[in-house]
Amino acid sequence: MHRPTKELTHLDTRQYHTQEPTTLFMVANRDIYADGLARVMAGQPDLDVISCNRPTHCHSRYAERPTEILMIEQSVILKVLEDTSPDQLFKPFMEIRPDLRIIVFGHEMPDSFVRRMLQAGAHGFIDSSTGPELLGIAIHEVRDGGYWLGRKSLQHLVQSISEIDRIVEQGIADKIARMKNTLTKRESDVLQRVLGGMSTREMAEDLCLSEQSIKLHLGHLFRKFEVSNRSQLILMAFKRVCPVSNMIQLFRRTLDRHHLAHGRPAVIDDPLARMS
């Protein structure tokens, strides 16, 4: 993680020094980064810091005096992750205090690590060399329900999310294109109307075909998708486009939001429209 830039230090920090002291429990290995950060926090008049430099004993110490913020060093986390999954990382502390706010601190934390910690429940990320004023702002922002990342780290994270959106969107487009190659024009027309909830009669009227022709095309679709009814056909069509269990939410999150934000129509309404 990159050190937060000095542009942020112009913020007015006086408001933080007039609030009640914030109690913080700090878990760290004894090294130059942790010691330096501990000294910086010791100089903050509105921070009450409890330090624990023996990580294997820190959970029991925290249970004796639960605090509103847990601050844990990156190296401690990496050691715990050797035997624990990320979703279990902070669980022992949060079972003691469910409203616990968590800050991770370290030196040059990579974006992949930041994303894993956000998924695990972390709320803030601080470089070990952060100055006193910015440190106070970060801690109080997390305490008050917000999230804190270094300015450049946040920029990189946003760029990563945008790139994920682009990759997912392109992947879905490619799957639709491959599906198109397996269907005739009429089969594509019928499939679009099945997804739209039309009955056999409505499809026949809309496509100027007989109901028998519609049933014939449906039979072809059932065989190609290896299903036996329309409900299965709809599910299988979406699975072919995006084979994940929560596909509708994924569509809305990664495609509709991205398209609508740029003034383009939503994709989820008719993912096969470009087959026409």
Protein backbone atom coordinates (compact mmCIF):
# COMPACT_ATOMS: atom_id res chain seq x y z
CA MET A 1 0.00 0.00 0.00
CA HIS A 2 1.32 3.43 -0.84
CA ARG A 3 1.75 6.01 1.86
CA PRO A 4 -1.18 8.50 1.91
CA THR A 5 -0.17 11.67 0.14
CA LYS A 6 0.28 15.02 1.84
CA GLU A 7 -2.69 16.49 0.00
CA LEU A 8 -4.90 14.96 2.68
CA THR A 9 -3.14 16.62 5.61
CA HIS A 10 -4.83 19.97 4.96
CA LEU A 11 -8.03 18.61 6.52
CA ASP A 12 -9.07 20.30 9.75
CA THR A 13 -8.18 17.87 12.55
CA ARG A 14 -9.32 20.03 15.47
CA GLN A 15 -12.73 18.36 15.51
CA TYR A 16 -11.11 15.02 16.38
CA HIS A 17 -9.23 16.38 19.38
CA THR A 18 -12.40 17.66 21.09
CA GLN A 19 -14.19 14.30 21.13
CA GLU A 20 -14.08 11.69 23.88
CA PRO A 21 -10.93 9.50 23.85
CA THR A 22 -11.02 6.50 21.54
CA THR A 23 -9.86 3.20 23.02
CA LEU A 24 -7.85 1.08 20.62
CA PHE A 25 -6.43 -2.43 21.02
CA MET A 26 -3.25 -2.90 19.02
CA VAL A 27 -1.95 -6.34 18.02
CA ALA A 28 1.57 -6.34 16.59
CA ASN A 29 4.88 -8.08 16.46
CA ARG A 30 7.61 -6.08 18.09
CA ASP A 31 9.41 -4.42 15.18
CA ILE A 32 10.46 -0.98 13.98
CA TYR A 33 7.18 -0.24 12.17
CA ALA A 34 4.91 -1.24 15.06
CA ASP A 35 7.04 0.55 17.63
CA GLY A 36 7.10 3.69 15.53
CA LEU A 37 3.33 3.70 15.08
CA ALA A 38 2.80 3.02 18.79
CA ARG A 39 4.92 6.06 19.65
CA VAL A 40 2.93 8.22 17.27
CA MET A 41 -0.36 7.09 18.81
CA ALA A 42 0.99 7.62 22.34
CA GLY A 43 1.31 11.29 21.47
CA GLN A 44 -2.38 11.60 20.55
CA PRO A 45 -4.31 13.08 23.51
CA ASP A 46 -7.61 11.50 22.43
CA LEU A 47 -6.30 7.94 21.91
CA ASP A 48 -6.13 5.32 24.65
CA VAL A 49 -3.98 2.49 23.28
CA ILE A 50 -3.70 -1.04 24.67
CA SER A 51 -0.74 -2.81 23.06
CA CYS A 52 -0.25 -6.55 22.76
CA ASN A 53 3.05 -7.77 21.32
CA ARG A 54 2.43 -11.49 21.86
CA PRO A 55 -0.20 -12.27 19.19
CA THR A 56 -0.98 -15.76 20.51
CA HIS A 57 -2.14 -14.22 23.81
CA CYS A 58 -3.88 -11.14 22.42
CA HIS A 59 -7.35 -12.66 22.09
CA SER A 60 -7.55 -13.43 25.82
CA ARG A 61 -6.25 -9.96 26.66
CA TYR A 62 -8.83 -8.39 24.38
CA ALA A 63 -11.58 -10.38 26.09
CA GLU A 64 -10.58 -8.80 29.39
CA ARG A 65 -11.05 -5.31 28.01
CA PRO A 66 -12.91 -5.15 24.66
CA THR A 67 -12.28 -1.93 22.75
CA GLU A 68 -14.17 -0.19 19.97
CA ILE A 69 -11.26 -0.51 17.53
CA LEU A 70 -8.90 -3.39 16.83
CA MET A 71 -5.69 -2.40 15.10
CA ILE A 72 -3.72 -5.37 13.80
CA GLU A 73 -0.38 -5.56 12.01
CA GLN A 74 -0.08 -7.01 8.51
CA SER A 75 2.65 -9.50 9.49
CA VAL A 76 0.46 -10.88 12.30
CA ILE A 77 -2.40 -11.41 9.83
CA LEU A 78 -0.18 -13.17 7.31
CA LYS A 79 1.00 -15.55 10.03
CA VAL A 80 -2.56 -16.33 11.15
CA LEU A 81 -3.65 -16.90 7.55
CA GLU A 82 -1.22 -19.81 7.33
CA ASP A 83 -3.70 -21.81 9.42
CA THR A 84 -6.96 -19.82 9.14
CA SER A 85 -9.21 -18.81 6.25
CA PRO A 86 -9.84 -15.07 5.73
CA ASP A 87 -13.52 -15.34 6.74
CA GLN A 88 -12.42 -16.64 10.17
CA LEU A 89 -9.61 -14.12 10.64
CA PHE A 90 -11.38 -11.54 12.82
CA LYS A 91 -14.25 -13.74 14.03
CA PRO A 92 -12.85 -14.46 17.54
CA PHE A 93 -12.64 -10.74 18.28
CA MET A 94 -15.99 -9.90 16.70
CA GLU A 95 -17.70 -12.60 18.78
CA ILE A 96 -16.63 -10.60 21.82
CA ARG A 97 -17.68 -7.25 20.35
CA PRO A 98 -19.91 -7.50 17.23
CA ASP A 99 -19.64 -3.75 16.48
CA LEU A 100 -15.85 -3.93 16.41
CA ARG A 101 -14.12 -1.68 13.87
CA ILE A 102 -10.90 -3.10 12.41
CA ILE A 103 -7.83 -1.31 11.07
CA VAL A 104 -4.93 -3.10 9.40
CA PHE A 105 -1.52 -1.46 9.39
CA GLY A 106 1.66 -2.42 7.61
CA HIS A 107 4.23 -1.42 5.06
CA GLU A 108 3.46 -1.44 1.32
CA MET A 109 0.36 -3.62 1.54
CA PRO A 110 -0.48 -4.94 -1.96
CA ASP A 111 -3.91 -4.35 -3.50
CA SER A 112 -4.68 -8.09 -3.45
CA PHE A 113 -4.13 -8.13 0.32
CA VAL A 114 -6.32 -5.05 0.79
CA ARG A 115 -9.18 -6.68 -1.14
CA ARG A 116 -8.91 -9.88 0.92
CA MET A 117 -9.01 -7.90 4.17
CA LEU A 118 -12.03 -5.87 3.05
CA GLN A 119 -13.85 -9.12 2.35
CA ALA A 120 -12.78 -10.41 5.78
CA GLY A 121 -14.31 -7.37 7.50
CA ALA A 122 -11.54 -4.76 7.79
CA HIS A 123 -12.52 -1.08 7.71
CA GLY A 124 -9.24 0.79 7.42
CA PHE A 125 -5.66 0.49 6.17
CA ILE A 126 -2.79 2.59 7.48
CA ASP A 127 0.83 2.73 6.43
CA SER A 128 3.18 2.26 9.38
CA SER A 129 4.90 5.58 8.65
CA THR A 130 1.71 7.66 8.66
CA GLY A 131 2.09 11.00 10.44
CA PRO A 132 0.21 11.97 13.64
CA GLU A 133 -2.47 14.21 12.13
CA LEU A 134 -3.42 11.86 9.32
CA LEU A 135 -3.34 8.91 11.72
CA GLY A 136 -5.85 10.64 13.99
CA ILE A 137 -8.16 11.40 11.08
CA ALA A 138 -7.99 7.80 9.84
CA ILE A 139 -8.74 6.25 13.23
CA HIS A 140 -11.68 8.53 13.93
CA GLU A 141 -13.08 8.04 10.45
CA VAL A 142 -13.15 4.28 11.02
CA ARG A 143 -14.51 4.69 14.53
CA ASP A 144 -17.39 6.80 13.22
CA GLY A 145 -18.48 4.13 10.74
CA GLY A 146 -16.41 5.04 7.69
CA TYR A 147 -13.65 3.35 5.73
CA TRP A 148 -10.10 4.56 5.32
CA LEU A 149 -7.56 3.76 2.64
CA GLY A 150 -4.54 5.71 1.51
CA ARG A 151 -5.42 8.03 -1.37
CA LYS A 152 -3.32 6.20 -3.97
CA SER A 153 -4.35 2.79 -2.69
CA LEU A 154 -8.00 3.72 -3.03
CA GLN A 155 -7.35 4.90 -6.58
CA HIS A 156 -5.73 1.58 -7.45
CA LEU A 157 -8.61 -0.35 -5.89
CA VAL A 158 -11.19 1.60 -7.91
CA GLN A 159 -9.17 0.96 -11.05
CA SER A 160 -9.09 -2.75 -10.23
CA ILE A 161 -12.87 -2.87 -9.77
CA SER A 162 -13.38 -1.07 -13.09
CA GLU A 163 -11.09 -3.58 -14.77
CA ILE A 164 -13.08 -6.45 -13.23
CA ASP A 165 -16.28 -4.90 -14.60
CA ARG A 166 -14.74 -4.73 -18.08
CA ILE A 167 -13.50 -8.32 -17.94
CA VAL A 168 -16.86 -9.68 -16.75
CA GLU A 169 -18.77 -7.68 -19.36
CA GLN A 170 -16.49 -8.88 -22.15
CA GLY A 171 -16.76 -12.45 -20.89
CA ILE A 172 -20.54 -12.34 -21.01
CA ALA A 173 -20.47 -10.80 -24.49
CA ASP A 174 -18.18 -13.59 -25.67
CA LYS A 175 -20.49 -16.25 -24.23
CA ILE A 176 -23.50 -14.67 -25.96
CA ALA A 177 -21.58 -14.65 -29.24
CA ARG A 178 -20.69 -18.33 -28.88
CA MET A 179 -24.30 -19.17 -28.04
CA LYS A 180 -25.43 -17.29 -31.14
CA ASN A 181 -23.28 -19.53 -33.31
CA THR A 182 -25.20 -22.60 -32.11
CA LEU A 183 -28.67 -21.17 -32.85
CA THR A 184 -30.53 -20.30 -36.03
CA LYS A 185 -32.07 -16.86 -36.47
CA ARG A 186 -35.55 -18.21 -35.69
CA GLU A 187 -34.32 -20.10 -32.64
CA SER A 188 -32.72 -16.89 -31.36
CA ASP A 189 -35.99 -15.02 -31.94
CA VAL A 190 -37.97 -17.65 -30.05
CA LEU A 191 -35.47 -17.78 -27.18
CA GLN A 192 -35.63 -14.01 -26.72
CA ARG A 193 -39.41 -14.21 -26.43
CA VAL A 194 -39.26 -17.16 -24.04
CA LEU A 195 -37.02 -15.03 -21.80
CA GLY A 196 -39.60 -12.27 -22.13
CA GLY A 197 -42.31 -14.57 -20.78
CA MET A 198 -44.41 -14.83 -23.95
CA SER A 199 -46.81 -17.71 -24.49
CA THR A 200 -46.74 -19.90 -27.60
CA ARG A 201 -49.64 -17.96 -29.11
CA GLU A 202 -48.03 -14.58 -28.36
CA MET A 203 -44.77 -15.69 -29.95
CA ALA A 204 -46.60 -16.93 -33.03
CA GLU A 205 -48.39 -13.62 -33.44
CA ASP A 206 -45.27 -11.58 -32.80
CA LEU A 207 -43.15 -13.55 -35.28
CA CYS A 208 -45.95 -14.12 -37.83
CA LEU A 209 -45.54 -17.89 -37.54
CA SER A 210 -47.92 -20.72 -36.75
CA GLU A 211 -48.05 -22.11 -33.24
CA GLN A 212 -46.84 -25.43 -34.65
CA SER A 213 -43.71 -23.72 -36.02
CA ILE A 214 -43.08 -22.12 -32.61
CA LYS A 215 -43.35 -25.55 -30.95
CA LEU A 216 -40.91 -26.94 -33.52
CA HIS A 217 -38.33 -24.24 -32.74
CA LEU A 218 -38.87 -24.77 -29.01
CA GLY A 219 -38.16 -28.47 -29.48
CA HIS A 220 -34.90 -27.60 -31.22
CA LEU A 221 -33.98 -25.28 -28.34
CA PHE A 222 -34.81 -27.93 -25.73
CA ARG A 223 -32.47 -30.39 -27.45
CA LYS A 224 -29.65 -27.90 -27.88
CA PHE A 225 -29.81 -26.80 -24.25
CA GLU A 226 -30.53 -30.35 -23.01
CA VAL A 227 -33.70 -29.37 -21.14
CA SER A 228 -37.32 -30.48 -21.20
CA ASN A 229 -39.37 -27.34 -20.46
CA ARG A 230 -39.31 -23.56 -20.70
CA SER A 231 -38.31 -22.93 -17.08
CA GLN A 232 -35.25 -25.13 -17.51
CA LEU A 233 -34.50 -23.42 -20.81
CA ILE A 234 -34.47 -19.98 -19.16
CA LEU A 235 -32.18 -21.13 -16.36
CA MET A 236 -29.83 -22.91 -18.73
CA ALA A 237 -29.66 -19.91 -21.08
CA PHE A 238 -28.52 -17.66 -18.24
CA LYS A 239 -26.12 -20.31 -16.98
CA ARG A 240 -24.52 -20.48 -20.42
CA VAL A 241 -24.10 -16.71 -20.37
CA CYS A 242 -22.82 -16.46 -16.81
CA PRO A 243 -22.24 -19.78 -15.01
CA VAL A 244 -22.40 -18.61 -11.40
CA SER A 245 -24.98 -19.28 -8.72
CA ASN A 246 -25.89 -15.63 -8.18
CA MET A 247 -26.01 -14.65 -11.85
CA ILE A 248 -28.79 -12.04 -11.75
CA GLN A 249 -27.08 -10.08 -8.97
CA LEU A 250 -23.78 -10.31 -10.82
CA PHE A 251 -25.38 -8.96 -13.99
CA ARG A 252 -26.91 -6.03 -12.15
CA ARG A 253 -23.79 -5.23 -10.18
CA THR A 254 -21.20 -5.46 -12.92
CA LEU A 255 -23.15 -4.63 -16.05
CA ASP A 256 -26.27 -2.58 -15.38
CA ARG A 257 -24.56 -0.26 -12.92
CA HIS A 258 -21.63 0.24 -15.27
CA HIS A 259 -23.82 0.81 -18.34
CA LEU A 260 -26.32 3.13 -16.66
CA ALA A 261 -23.51 5.21 -15.15
CA HIS A 262 -22.28 5.88 -18.69
CA GLY A 263 -25.70 6.63 -20.13
CA ARG A 264 -26.07 3.27 -21.86
CA PRO A 265 -29.10 0.97 -21.55
CA ALA A 266 -29.09 -1.90 -19.07
CA VAL A 267 -27.97 -5.31 -20.27
CA ILE A 268 -29.91 -7.48 -17.84
CA ASP A 269 -33.26 -6.73 -19.46
CA ASP A 270 -32.40 -8.73 -22.57
CA PRO A 271 -28.92 -10.31 -22.60
CA LEU A 272 -29.62 -11.96 -25.99
CA ALA A 273 -30.89 -8.89 -27.80
CA ARG A 274 -27.74 -8.58 -29.89
CA MET A 275 -28.56 -11.98 -31.46
CA SER A 276 -31.21 -10.38 -33.62
